[in-house]
Amino acid sequence: WDGSGYPHGLAAMAIPIEGRLVMLADQYDALRSPRSYKEPLS
């Protein structure tokens, strides 16, 4: 949303809503999931 992402540095409403939804859902799932470098978060 703040333009700091990739690949094109899009910001705010320039990002399609589907991308904005998946970005948050994907981040939630990644934080909760176990990784080789971290334990899963509650």
ModelCIF file with pLDDT and N, C-alpha, C, O atoms, coordinates in Angstrom:
data_MODEL
#
_entry.id   MODEL 
#
_entity.id                         1 
_entity.type                       polymer 
_entity.pdbx_number_of_molecules   1 
#
_entity_poly.entity_id                      1 
_entity_poly.type                           'polypeptide(L)' 
_entity_poly.nstd_linkage                   no 
_entity_poly.nstd_monomer                   no 
_entity_poly.pdbx_seq_one_letter_code       WDGSGYPHGLAAMAIPIEGRLVMLADQYDALRSPRSYKEPLS 
_entity_poly.pdbx_seq_one_letter_code_can   WDGSGYPHGLAAMAIPIEGRLVMLADQYDALRSPRSYKEPLS 
_entity_poly.pdbx_strand_id                 A 
#
loop_
_entity_poly_seq.entity_id 
_entity_poly_seq.num 
_entity_poly_seq.mon_id 
_entity_poly_seq.hetero 
1 1  TRP n 
1 2  ASP n 
1 3  GLY n 
1 4  SER n 
1 5  GLY n 
1 6  TYR n 
1 7  PRO n 
1 8  HIS n 
1 9  GLY n 
1 10 LEU n 
1 11 ALA n 
1 12 ALA n 
1 13 MET n 
1 14 ALA n 
1 15 ILE n 
1 16 PRO n 
1 17 ILE n 
1 18 GLU n 
1 19 GLY n 
1 20 ARG n 
1 21 LEU n 
1 22 VAL n 
1 23 MET n 
1 24 LEU n 
1 25 ALA n 
1 26 ASP n 
1 27 GLN n 
1 28 TYR n 
1 29 ASP n 
1 30 ALA n 
1 31 LEU n 
1 32 ARG n 
1 33 SER n 
1 34 PRO n 
1 35 ARG n 
1 36 SER n 
1 37 TYR n 
1 38 LYS n 
1 39 GLU n 
1 40 PRO n 
1 41 LEU n 
1 42 SER n 
#
_struct_asym.id          A 
_struct_asym.entity_id   1 
#
loop_
_ma_qa_metric.id 
_ma_qa_metric.mode 
_ma_qa_metric.name 
_ma_qa_metric.software_group_id 
_ma_qa_metric.type 
1 global pLDDT . pLDDT 
2 local  pLDDT . pLDDT 
#
_ma_qa_metric_global.metric_id      1 
_ma_qa_metric_global.metric_value   92.95 
_ma_qa_metric_global.model_id       1 
_ma_qa_metric_global.ordinal_id     1 
#
loop_
_ma_qa_metric_local.label_asym_id 
_ma_qa_metric_local.label_comp_id 
_ma_qa_metric_local.label_seq_id 
_ma_qa_metric_local.metric_id 
_ma_qa_metric_local.metric_value 
_ma_qa_metric_local.model_id 
_ma_qa_metric_local.ordinal_id 
A TRP 1  2 98.00 1 1  
A ASP 2  2 97.00 1 2  
A GLY 3  2 97.00 1 3  
A SER 4  2 96.00 1 4  
A GLY 5  2 97.00 1 5  
A TYR 6  2 97.00 1 6  
A PRO 7  2 97.00 1 7  
A HIS 8  2 97.00 1 8  
A GLY 9  2 97.00 1 9  
A LEU 10 2 98.00 1 10 
A ALA 11 2 98.00 1 11 
A ALA 12 2 98.00 1 12 
A MET 13 2 98.00 1 13 
A ALA 14 2 98.00 1 14 
A ILE 15 2 98.00 1 15 
A PRO 16 2 98.00 1 16 
A ILE 17 2 98.00 1 17 
A GLU 18 2 98.00 1 18 
A GLY 19 2 98.00 1 19 
A ARG 20 2 98.00 1 20 
A LEU 21 2 98.00 1 21 
A VAL 22 2 98.00 1 22 
A MET 23 2 98.00 1 23 
A LEU 24 2 98.00 1 24 
A ALA 25 2 98.00 1 25 
A ASP 26 2 96.00 1 26 
A GLN 27 2 96.00 1 27 
A TYR 28 2 97.00 1 28 
A ASP 29 2 95.00 1 29 
A ALA 30 2 92.00 1 30 
A LEU 31 2 94.00 1 31 
A ARG 32 2 94.00 1 32 
A SER 33 2 88.00 1 33 
A PRO 34 2 82.00 1 34 
A ARG 35 2 70.00 1 35 
A SER 36 2 64.00 1 36 
A TYR 37 2 62.00 1 37 
A LYS 38 2 72.00 1 38 
A GLU 39 2 84.00 1 39 
A PRO 40 2 88.00 1 40 
A LEU 41 2 94.00 1 41 
A SER 42 2 95.00 1 42 
#
loop_
_atom_site.group_PDB 
_atom_site.id 
_atom_site.type_symbol 
_atom_site.label_atom_id 
_atom_site.label_alt_id 
_atom_site.label_comp_id 
_atom_site.label_asym_id 
_atom_site.label_entity_id 
_atom_site.label_seq_id 
_atom_site.pdbx_PDB_ins_code 
_atom_site.Cartn_x 
_atom_site.Cartn_y 
_atom_site.Cartn_z 
_atom_site.occupancy 
_atom_site.B_iso_or_equiv 
_atom_site.pdbx_formal_charge 
_atom_site.auth_seq_id 
_atom_site.auth_comp_id 
_atom_site.auth_asym_id 
_atom_site.auth_atom_id 
_atom_site.pdbx_PDB_model_num 
ATOM 1   N N  . TRP A 1 1  ? 0.819  -1.212  0.000  1.00 98.00 ? 1  TRP A N  1 
ATOM 2   C CA . TRP A 1 1  ? 0.000  0.000   0.000  1.00 98.00 ? 1  TRP A CA 1 
ATOM 3   C C  . TRP A 1 1  ? 0.855  1.265   0.000  1.00 98.00 ? 1  TRP A C  1 
ATOM 4   O O  . TRP A 1 1  ? 0.486  2.265   -0.615 1.00 98.00 ? 1  TRP A O  1 
ATOM 5   N N  . ASP A 1 2  ? 2.007  1.220   0.696  1.00 97.00 ? 2  ASP A N  1 
ATOM 6   C CA . ASP A 1 2  ? 2.859  2.412   0.791  1.00 97.00 ? 2  ASP A CA 1 
ATOM 7   C C  . ASP A 1 2  ? 3.842  2.527   -0.372 1.00 97.00 ? 2  ASP A C  1 
ATOM 8   O O  . ASP A 1 2  ? 4.675  3.433   -0.382 1.00 97.00 ? 2  ASP A O  1 
ATOM 9   N N  . GLY A 1 3  ? 3.759  1.633   -1.342 1.00 97.00 ? 3  GLY A N  1 
ATOM 10  C CA . GLY A 1 3  ? 4.623  1.711   -2.515 1.00 97.00 ? 3  GLY A CA 1 
ATOM 11  C C  . GLY A 1 3  ? 5.972  1.046   -2.371 1.00 97.00 ? 3  GLY A C  1 
ATOM 12  O O  . GLY A 1 3  ? 6.805  1.155   -3.270 1.00 97.00 ? 3  GLY A O  1 
ATOM 13  N N  . SER A 1 4  ? 6.216  0.353   -1.257 1.00 96.00 ? 4  SER A N  1 
ATOM 14  C CA . SER A 1 4  ? 7.526  -0.239  -1.011 1.00 96.00 ? 4  SER A CA 1 
ATOM 15  C C  . SER A 1 4  ? 7.642  -1.682  -1.495 1.00 96.00 ? 4  SER A C  1 
ATOM 16  O O  . SER A 1 4  ? 8.650  -2.341  -1.241 1.00 96.00 ? 4  SER A O  1 
ATOM 17  N N  . GLY A 1 5  ? 6.624  -2.174  -2.183 1.00 97.00 ? 5  GLY A N  1 
ATOM 18  C CA . GLY A 1 5  ? 6.655  -3.562  -2.634 1.00 97.00 ? 5  GLY A CA 1 
ATOM 19  C C  . GLY A 1 5  ? 7.291  -3.728  -3.999 1.00 97.00 ? 5  GLY A C  1 
ATOM 20  O O  . GLY A 1 5  ? 7.939  -2.818  -4.515 1.00 97.00 ? 5  GLY A O  1 
ATOM 21  N N  . TYR A 1 6  ? 7.095  -4.911  -4.578 1.00 97.00 ? 6  TYR A N  1 
ATOM 22  C CA . TYR A 1 6  ? 7.647  -5.222  -5.894 1.00 97.00 ? 6  TYR A CA 1 
ATOM 23  C C  . TYR A 1 6  ? 6.620  -6.024  -6.690 1.00 97.00 ? 6  TYR A C  1 
ATOM 24  O O  . TYR A 1 6  ? 5.696  -6.578  -6.094 1.00 97.00 ? 6  TYR A O  1 
ATOM 25  N N  . PRO A 1 7  ? 6.750  -6.105  -8.019 1.00 97.00 ? 7  PRO A N  1 
ATOM 26  C CA . PRO A 1 7  ? 7.892  -5.712  -8.859 1.00 97.00 ? 7  PRO A CA 1 
ATOM 27  C C  . PRO A 1 7  ? 7.866  -4.263  -9.352 1.00 97.00 ? 7  PRO A C  1 
ATOM 28  O O  . PRO A 1 7  ? 8.887  -3.777  -9.840 1.00 97.00 ? 7  PRO A O  1 
ATOM 29  N N  . HIS A 1 8  ? 6.742  -3.561  -9.244 1.00 97.00 ? 8  HIS A N  1 
ATOM 30  C CA . HIS A 1 8  ? 6.641  -2.248  -9.873 1.00 97.00 ? 8  HIS A CA 1 
ATOM 31  C C  . HIS A 1 8  ? 6.486  -1.089  -8.891 1.00 97.00 ? 8  HIS A C  1 
ATOM 32  O O  . HIS A 1 8  ? 6.337  0.058   -9.311 1.00 97.00 ? 8  HIS A O  1 
ATOM 33  N N  . GLY A 1 9  ? 6.520  -1.373  -7.600 1.00 97.00 ? 9  GLY A N  1 
ATOM 34  C CA . GLY A 1 9  ? 6.380  -0.296  -6.622 1.00 97.00 ? 9  GLY A CA 1 
ATOM 35  C C  . GLY A 1 9  ? 5.037  0.394   -6.693 1.00 97.00 ? 9  GLY A C  1 
ATOM 36  O O  . GLY A 1 9  ? 4.947  1.598   -6.450 1.00 97.00 ? 9  GLY A O  1 
ATOM 37  N N  . LEU A 1 10 ? 3.982  -0.350  -7.022 1.00 98.00 ? 10 LEU A N  1 
ATOM 38  C CA . LEU A 1 10 ? 2.643  0.232   -7.060 1.00 98.00 ? 10 LEU A CA 1 
ATOM 39  C C  . LEU A 1 10 ? 2.214  0.613   -5.645 1.00 98.00 ? 10 LEU A C  1 
ATOM 40  O O  . LEU A 1 10 ? 2.680  0.033   -4.664 1.00 98.00 ? 10 LEU A O  1 
ATOM 41  N N  . ALA A 1 11 ? 1.329  1.588   -5.557 1.00 98.00 ? 11 ALA A N  1 
ATOM 42  C CA . ALA A 1 11 ? 0.867  2.036   -4.245 1.00 98.00 ? 11 ALA A CA 1 
ATOM 43  C C  . ALA A 1 11 ? -0.643 2.220   -4.252 1.00 98.00 ? 11 ALA A C  1 
ATOM 44  O O  . ALA A 1 11 ? -1.254 2.488   -5.286 1.00 98.00 ? 11 ALA A O  1 
ATOM 45  N N  . ALA A 1 12 ? -1.227 2.068   -3.066 1.00 98.00 ? 12 ALA A N  1 
ATOM 46  C CA . ALA A 1 12 ? -2.637 2.362   -2.815 1.00 98.00 ? 12 ALA A CA 1 
ATOM 47  C C  . ALA A 1 12 ? -3.551 1.700   -3.858 1.00 98.00 ? 12 ALA A C  1 
ATOM 48  O O  . ALA A 1 12 ? -3.413 0.512   -4.150 1.00 98.00 ? 12 ALA A O  1 
ATOM 49  N N  . MET A 1 13 ? -4.490 2.488   -4.414 1.00 98.00 ? 13 MET A N  1 
ATOM 50  C CA . MET A 1 13 ? -5.515 1.930   -5.286 1.00 98.00 ? 13 MET A CA 1 
ATOM 51  C C  . MET A 1 13 ? -4.987 1.502   -6.651 1.00 98.00 ? 13 MET A C  1 
ATOM 52  O O  . MET A 1 13 ? -5.719 0.905   -7.441 1.00 98.00 ? 13 MET A O  1 
ATOM 53  N N  . ALA A 1 14 ? -3.716 1.804   -6.935 1.00 98.00 ? 14 ALA A N  1 
ATOM 54  C CA . ALA A 1 14 ? -3.118 1.312   -8.177 1.00 98.00 ? 14 ALA A CA 1 
ATOM 55  C C  . ALA A 1 14 ? -2.918 -0.195  -8.126 1.00 98.00 ? 14 ALA A C  1 
ATOM 56  O O  . ALA A 1 14 ? -2.743 -0.836  -9.163 1.00 98.00 ? 14 ALA A O  1 
ATOM 57  N N  . ILE A 1 15 ? -2.943 -0.763  -6.925 1.00 98.00 ? 15 ILE A N  1 
ATOM 58  C CA . ILE A 1 15 ? -2.838 -2.214  -6.754 1.00 98.00 ? 15 ILE A CA 1 
ATOM 59  C C  . ILE A 1 15 ? -4.244 -2.801  -6.842 1.00 98.00 ? 15 ILE A C  1 
ATOM 60  O O  . ILE A 1 15 ? -5.116 -2.375  -6.084 1.00 98.00 ? 15 ILE A O  1 
ATOM 61  N N  . PRO A 1 16 ? -4.501 -3.749  -7.725 1.00 98.00 ? 16 PRO A N  1 
ATOM 62  C CA . PRO A 1 16 ? -5.842 -4.345  -7.805 1.00 98.00 ? 16 PRO A CA 1 
ATOM 63  C C  . PRO A 1 16 ? -6.255 -4.933  -6.458 1.00 98.00 ? 16 PRO A C  1 
ATOM 64  O O  . PRO A 1 16 ? -5.413 -5.414  -5.699 1.00 98.00 ? 16 PRO A O  1 
ATOM 65  N N  . ILE A 1 17 ? -7.537 -4.893  -6.169 1.00 98.00 ? 17 ILE A N  1 
ATOM 66  C CA . ILE A 1 17 ? -8.001 -5.347  -4.860 1.00 98.00 ? 17 ILE A CA 1 
ATOM 67  C C  . ILE A 1 17 ? -7.653 -6.805  -4.616 1.00 98.00 ? 17 ILE A C  1 
ATOM 68  O O  . ILE A 1 17 ? -7.378 -7.193  -3.481 1.00 98.00 ? 17 ILE A O  1 
ATOM 69  N N  . GLU A 1 18 ? -7.662 -7.625  -5.676 1.00 98.00 ? 18 GLU A N  1 
ATOM 70  C CA . GLU A 1 18 ? -7.319 -9.032  -5.499 1.00 98.00 ? 18 GLU A CA 1 
ATOM 71  C C  . GLU A 1 18 ? -5.885 -9.177  -4.991 1.00 98.00 ? 18 GLU A C  1 
ATOM 72  O O  . GLU A 1 18 ? -5.607 -10.006 -4.125 1.00 98.00 ? 18 GLU A O  1 
ATOM 73  N N  . GLY A 1 19 ? -4.976 -8.362  -5.536 1.00 98.00 ? 19 GLY A N  1 
ATOM 74  C CA . GLY A 1 19 ? -3.599 -8.396  -5.073 1.00 98.00 ? 19 GLY A CA 1 
ATOM 75  C C  . GLY A 1 19 ? -3.464 -7.934  -3.640 1.00 98.00 ? 19 GLY A C  1 
ATOM 76  O O  . GLY A 1 19 ? -2.674 -8.491  -2.878 1.00 98.00 ? 19 GLY A O  1 
ATOM 77  N N  . ARG A 1 20 ? -4.239 -6.904  -3.257 1.00 98.00 ? 20 ARG A N  1 
ATOM 78  C CA . ARG A 1 20 ? -4.189 -6.394  -1.887 1.00 98.00 ? 20 ARG A CA 1 
ATOM 79  C C  . ARG A 1 20 ? -4.702 -7.427  -0.883 1.00 98.00 ? 20 ARG A C  1 
ATOM 80  O O  . ARG A 1 20 ? -4.153 -7.570  0.209  1.00 98.00 ? 20 ARG A O  1 
ATOM 81  N N  . LEU A 1 21 ? -5.753 -8.140  -1.263 1.00 98.00 ? 21 LEU A N  1 
ATOM 82  C CA . LEU A 1 21 ? -6.301 -9.168  -0.379 1.00 98.00 ? 21 LEU A CA 1 
ATOM 83  C C  . LEU A 1 21 ? -5.331 -10.327 -0.215 1.00 98.00 ? 21 LEU A C  1 
ATOM 84  O O  . LEU A 1 21 ? -5.087 -10.787 0.901  1.00 98.00 ? 21 LEU A O  1 
ATOM 85  N N  . VAL A 1 22 ? -4.778 -10.798 -1.329 1.00 98.00 ? 22 VAL A N  1 
ATOM 86  C CA . VAL A 1 22 ? -3.859 -11.935 -1.273 1.00 98.00 ? 22 VAL A CA 1 
ATOM 87  C C  . VAL A 1 22 ? -2.601 -11.560 -0.505 1.00 98.00 ? 22 VAL A C  1 
ATOM 88  O O  . VAL A 1 22 ? -2.056 -12.384 0.229  1.00 98.00 ? 22 VAL A O  1 
ATOM 89  N N  . MET A 1 23 ? -2.133 -10.322 -0.666 1.00 98.00 ? 23 MET A N  1 
ATOM 90  C CA . MET A 1 23 ? -0.933 -9.887  0.033  1.00 98.00 ? 23 MET A CA 1 
ATOM 91  C C  . MET A 1 23 ? -1.106 -10.036 1.545  1.00 98.00 ? 23 MET A C  1 
ATOM 92  O O  . MET A 1 23 ? -0.216 -10.556 2.218  1.00 98.00 ? 23 MET A O  1 
ATOM 93  N N  . LEU A 1 24 ? -2.237 -9.588  2.084  1.00 98.00 ? 24 LEU A N  1 
ATOM 94  C CA . LEU A 1 24 ? -2.447 -9.680  3.524  1.00 98.00 ? 24 LEU A CA 1 
ATOM 95  C C  . LEU A 1 24 ? -2.670 -11.131 3.958  1.00 98.00 ? 24 LEU A C  1 
ATOM 96  O O  . LEU A 1 24 ? -2.098 -11.576 4.953  1.00 98.00 ? 24 LEU A O  1 
ATOM 97  N N  . ALA A 1 25 ? -3.500 -11.869 3.212  1.00 98.00 ? 25 ALA A N  1 
ATOM 98  C CA . ALA A 1 25 ? -3.774 -13.257 3.574  1.00 98.00 ? 25 ALA A CA 1 
ATOM 99  C C  . ALA A 1 25 ? -2.507 -14.099 3.532  1.00 98.00 ? 25 ALA A C  1 
ATOM 100 O O  . ALA A 1 25 ? -2.287 -14.943 4.400  1.00 98.00 ? 25 ALA A O  1 
ATOM 101 N N  . ASP A 1 26 ? -1.678 -13.868 2.527  1.00 96.00 ? 26 ASP A N  1 
ATOM 102 C CA . ASP A 1 26 ? -0.432 -14.611 2.372  1.00 96.00 ? 26 ASP A CA 1 
ATOM 103 C C  . ASP A 1 26 ? 0.532  -14.295 3.512  1.00 96.00 ? 26 ASP A C  1 
ATOM 104 O O  . ASP A 1 26 ? 1.226  -15.182 4.009  1.00 96.00 ? 26 ASP A O  1 
ATOM 105 N N  . GLN A 1 27 ? 0.570  -13.034 3.921  1.00 96.00 ? 27 GLN A N  1 
ATOM 106 C CA . GLN A 1 27 ? 1.454  -12.640 5.022  1.00 96.00 ? 27 GLN A CA 1 
ATOM 107 C C  . GLN A 1 27 ? 0.982  -13.266 6.330  1.00 96.00 ? 27 GLN A C  1 
ATOM 108 O O  . GLN A 1 27 ? 1.799  -13.743 7.118  1.00 96.00 ? 27 GLN A O  1 
ATOM 109 N N  . TYR A 1 28 ? -0.322 -13.267 6.564  1.00 97.00 ? 28 TYR A N  1 
ATOM 110 C CA . TYR A 1 28 ? -0.855 -13.916 7.762  1.00 97.00 ? 28 TYR A CA 1 
ATOM 111 C C  . TYR A 1 28 ? -0.437 -15.377 7.798  1.00 97.00 ? 28 TYR A C  1 
ATOM 112 O O  . TYR A 1 28 ? 0.054  -15.863 8.817  1.00 97.00 ? 28 TYR A O  1 
ATOM 113 N N  . ASP A 1 29 ? -0.633 -16.079 6.682  1.00 95.00 ? 29 ASP A N  1 
ATOM 114 C CA . ASP A 1 29 ? -0.333 -17.505 6.639  1.00 95.00 ? 29 ASP A CA 1 
ATOM 115 C C  . ASP A 1 29 ? 1.160  -17.764 6.806  1.00 95.00 ? 29 ASP A C  1 
ATOM 116 O O  . ASP A 1 29 ? 1.554  -18.719 7.475  1.00 95.00 ? 29 ASP A O  1 
ATOM 117 N N  . ALA A 1 30 ? 1.996  -16.912 6.198  1.00 92.00 ? 30 ALA A N  1 
ATOM 118 C CA . ALA A 1 30 ? 3.439  -17.093 6.297  1.00 92.00 ? 30 ALA A CA 1 
ATOM 119 C C  . ALA A 1 30 ? 3.929  -16.902 7.732  1.00 92.00 ? 30 ALA A C  1 
ATOM 120 O O  . ALA A 1 30 ? 4.789  -17.650 8.196  1.00 92.00 ? 30 ALA A O  1 
ATOM 121 N N  . LEU A 1 31 ? 3.390  -15.915 8.431  1.00 94.00 ? 31 LEU A N  1 
ATOM 122 C CA . LEU A 1 31 ? 3.797  -15.677 9.806  1.00 94.00 ? 31 LEU A CA 1 
ATOM 123 C C  . LEU A 1 31 ? 3.397  -16.832 10.719 1.00 94.00 ? 31 LEU A C  1 
ATOM 124 O O  . LEU A 1 31 ? 4.124  -17.165 11.654 1.00 94.00 ? 31 LEU A O  1 
ATOM 125 N N  . ARG A 1 32 ? 2.279  -17.425 10.459 1.00 94.00 ? 32 ARG A N  1 
ATOM 126 C CA . ARG A 1 32 ? 1.805  -18.525 11.301 1.00 94.00 ? 32 ARG A CA 1 
ATOM 127 C C  . ARG A 1 32 ? 2.486  -19.847 10.990 1.00 94.00 ? 32 ARG A C  1 
ATOM 128 O O  . ARG A 1 32 ? 2.452  -20.767 11.808 1.00 94.00 ? 32 ARG A O  1 
ATOM 129 N N  . SER A 1 33 ? 3.102  -19.955 9.824  1.00 88.00 ? 33 SER A N  1 
ATOM 130 C CA . SER A 1 33 ? 3.657  -21.235 9.380  1.00 88.00 ? 33 SER A CA 1 
ATOM 131 C C  . SER A 1 33 ? 5.095  -21.432 9.828  1.00 88.00 ? 33 SER A C  1 
ATOM 132 O O  . SER A 1 33 ? 5.840  -20.459 9.947  1.00 88.00 ? 33 SER A O  1 
ATOM 133 N N  . PRO A 1 34 ? 5.501  -22.677 10.080 1.00 82.00 ? 34 PRO A N  1 
ATOM 134 C CA . PRO A 1 34 ? 6.899  -22.948 10.446 1.00 82.00 ? 34 PRO A CA 1 
ATOM 135 C C  . PRO A 1 34 ? 7.832  -22.709 9.274  1.00 82.00 ? 34 PRO A C  1 
ATOM 136 O O  . PRO A 1 34 ? 7.463  -22.931 8.121  1.00 82.00 ? 34 PRO A O  1 
ATOM 137 N N  . ARG A 1 35 ? 9.032  -22.260 9.568  1.00 70.00 ? 35 ARG A N  1 
ATOM 138 C CA . ARG A 1 35 ? 10.055 -22.017 8.567  1.00 70.00 ? 35 ARG A CA 1 
ATOM 139 C C  . ARG A 1 35 ? 11.359 -22.661 9.033  1.00 70.00 ? 35 ARG A C  1 
ATOM 140 O O  . ARG A 1 35 ? 11.515 -23.007 10.204 1.00 70.00 ? 35 ARG A O  1 
ATOM 141 N N  . SER A 1 36 ? 12.277 -22.812 8.106  1.00 64.00 ? 36 SER A N  1 
ATOM 142 C CA . SER A 1 36 ? 13.577 -23.366 8.475  1.00 64.00 ? 36 SER A CA 1 
ATOM 143 C C  . SER A 1 36 ? 14.315 -22.435 9.430  1.00 64.00 ? 36 SER A C  1 
ATOM 144 O O  . SER A 1 36 ? 15.186 -22.882 10.176 1.00 64.00 ? 36 SER A O  1 
ATOM 145 N N  . TYR A 1 37 ? 13.977 -21.144 9.416  1.00 62.00 ? 37 TYR A N  1 
ATOM 146 C CA . TYR A 1 37 ? 14.672 -20.166 10.228 1.00 62.00 ? 37 TYR A CA 1 
ATOM 147 C C  . TYR A 1 37 ? 13.827 -19.613 11.376 1.00 62.00 ? 37 TYR A C  1 
ATOM 148 O O  . TYR A 1 37 ? 14.269 -18.713 12.091 1.00 62.00 ? 37 TYR A O  1 
ATOM 149 N N  . LYS A 1 38 ? 12.610 -20.147 11.559 1.00 72.00 ? 38 LYS A N  1 
ATOM 150 C CA . LYS A 1 38 ? 11.772 -19.640 12.660 1.00 72.00 ? 38 LYS A CA 1 
ATOM 151 C C  . LYS A 1 38 ? 10.718 -20.663 13.052 1.00 72.00 ? 38 LYS A C  1 
ATOM 152 O O  . LYS A 1 38 ? 10.360 -21.540 12.266 1.00 72.00 ? 38 LYS A O  1 
ATOM 153 N N  . GLU A 1 39 ? 10.235 -20.540 14.260 1.00 84.00 ? 39 GLU A N  1 
ATOM 154 C CA . GLU A 1 39 ? 9.111  -21.331 14.729 1.00 84.00 ? 39 GLU A CA 1 
ATOM 155 C C  . GLU A 1 39 ? 7.809  -20.676 14.261 1.00 84.00 ? 39 GLU A C  1 
ATOM 156 O O  . GLU A 1 39 ? 7.783  -19.472 14.005 1.00 84.00 ? 39 GLU A O  1 
ATOM 157 N N  . PRO A 1 40 ? 6.736  -21.451 14.148 1.00 88.00 ? 40 PRO A N  1 
ATOM 158 C CA . PRO A 1 40 ? 5.454  -20.836 13.780 1.00 88.00 ? 40 PRO A CA 1 
ATOM 159 C C  . PRO A 1 40 ? 4.974  -19.908 14.883 1.00 88.00 ? 40 PRO A C  1 
ATOM 160 O O  . PRO A 1 40 ? 5.191  -20.162 16.068 1.00 88.00 ? 40 PRO A O  1 
ATOM 161 N N  . LEU A 1 41 ? 4.317  -18.827 14.474 1.00 94.00 ? 41 LEU A N  1 
ATOM 162 C CA . LEU A 1 41 ? 3.780  -17.870 15.438 1.00 94.00 ? 41 LEU A CA 1 
ATOM 163 C C  . LEU A 1 41 ? 2.318  -18.192 15.735 1.00 94.00 ? 41 LEU A C  1 
ATOM 164 O O  . LEU A 1 41 ? 1.610  -18.761 14.904 1.00 94.00 ? 41 LEU A O  1 
ATOM 165 N N  . SER A 1 42 ? 1.888  -17.823 16.917 1.00 95.00 ? 42 SER A N  1 
ATOM 166 C CA . SER A 1 42 ? 0.484  -17.998 17.269 1.00 95.00 ? 42 SER A CA 1 
ATOM 167 C C  . SER A 1 42 ? -0.377 -16.983 16.523 1.00 95.00 ? 42 SER A C  1 
ATOM 168 O O  . SER A 1 42 ? -1.597 -16.970 16.687 1.00 95.00 ? 42 SER A O  1 
#
